[in-house]
């Protein structure tokens, strides 16, 4: 079932305001826990880990964010205010 434009905008807002901060907290805690057991890696490896985690979070939500910045395709067309 495809989401309407307004529903996708609402979900995008919820994901960005609630989901993303929670993901950041869990990602940092997870990486810190992993590195606590394995020792601190070189700075480039830690940076690469955070870059990968920063890209991976969007994959499941790609369909929600597609076209959000565009005009509403369901809006009536015309010059009426």
Protein backbone atom coordinates (compact mmCIF):
# COMPACT_ATOMS: atom_id res chain seq x y z
CA UNK A 1 0.00 0.00 0.00
CA UNK A 2 1.52 3.29 -1.08
CA UNK A 3 1.48 6.21 1.32
CA UNK A 4 -0.08 9.49 0.29
CA UNK A 5 2.09 12.58 -0.02
CA UNK A 6 0.82 14.03 3.27
CA UNK A 7 1.36 10.74 5.09
CA UNK A 8 4.92 10.51 3.76
CA UNK A 9 5.59 14.08 4.93
CA UNK A 10 4.29 13.27 8.41
CA UNK A 11 6.30 10.05 8.62
CA UNK A 12 9.42 11.84 7.40
CA UNK A 13 9.01 14.42 10.15
CA UNK A 14 8.53 11.73 12.81
CA UNK A 15 11.55 9.80 11.55
CA UNK A 16 13.75 12.90 11.56
CA UNK A 17 12.61 14.28 14.94
CA UNK A 18 12.29 11.05 16.92
CA UNK A 19 13.82 8.15 15.02
CA UNK A 20 17.08 9.72 13.95
CA UNK A 21 18.13 10.96 17.43
CA UNK A 22 17.32 7.54 18.87
CA UNK A 23 19.33 5.87 16.13
CA UNK A 24 22.29 8.17 16.84
CA UNK A 25 22.20 7.33 20.54
CA UNK A 26 22.04 3.58 19.89
CA UNK A 27 24.71 3.73 17.16
CA UNK A 28 27.16 5.61 19.38
CA UNK A 29 26.46 3.34 22.33
CA UNK A 30 26.87 0.25 20.15
CA UNK A 31 30.14 1.42 18.64
CA UNK A 32 31.46 2.41 22.06
CA UNK A 33 30.54 -1.00 23.47
CA UNK A 34 32.13 -2.79 20.53
CA UNK A 35 35.32 -0.78 20.81
CA UNK A 36 35.40 -1.27 24.59
CA UNK A 37 35.73 -5.02 24.05
CA UNK A 38 38.06 -4.91 21.06
CA UNK A 39 40.16 -1.89 21.98
CA UNK A 40 40.21 1.47 20.28
CA UNK A 41 40.78 1.16 16.53
CA UNK A 42 42.72 3.62 14.37
CA UNK A 43 40.90 6.89 13.82
CA UNK A 44 40.23 6.10 10.13
CA UNK A 45 38.46 2.84 11.09
CA UNK A 46 36.30 4.61 13.65
CA UNK A 47 35.48 7.34 11.13
CA UNK A 48 34.59 4.73 8.49
CA UNK A 49 32.31 2.95 10.98
CA UNK A 50 30.39 6.14 11.68
CA UNK A 51 30.15 7.01 7.98
CA UNK A 52 28.71 3.58 7.18
CA UNK A 53 26.24 3.81 10.06
CA UNK A 54 25.28 7.30 8.91
CA UNK A 55 24.40 6.01 5.45
CA UNK A 56 22.75 2.73 6.46
CA UNK A 57 19.97 4.32 8.53
CA UNK A 58 18.33 5.85 5.47
CA UNK A 59 18.04 2.64 3.42
CA UNK A 60 14.79 1.39 5.01
CA UNK A 61 13.22 4.85 4.79
CA UNK A 62 14.19 5.71 1.22
CA UNK A 63 10.63 5.38 -0.07
CA UNK A 64 9.31 7.70 2.65
CA UNK A 65 11.74 10.50 1.81
CA UNK A 66 11.47 10.31 -1.99
CA UNK A 67 9.81 13.45 -3.36
CA UNK A 68 9.14 15.12 -0.01
CA UNK A 69 10.78 18.37 -1.15
CA UNK A 70 8.61 18.58 -4.26
CA UNK A 71 5.20 20.20 -4.56
CA UNK A 72 2.18 18.11 -3.58
CA UNK A 73 1.27 16.03 -6.65
CA UNK A 74 -2.31 15.63 -5.37
CA UNK A 75 -2.91 19.38 -5.02
CA UNK A 76 -5.34 20.91 -7.49
CA UNK A 77 -3.58 22.59 -10.37
CA UNK A 78 -4.42 26.10 -11.41
CA UNK A 79 -3.87 29.72 -10.56
CA UNK A 80 -6.59 29.92 -7.94
CA UNK A 81 -5.35 31.09 -4.52
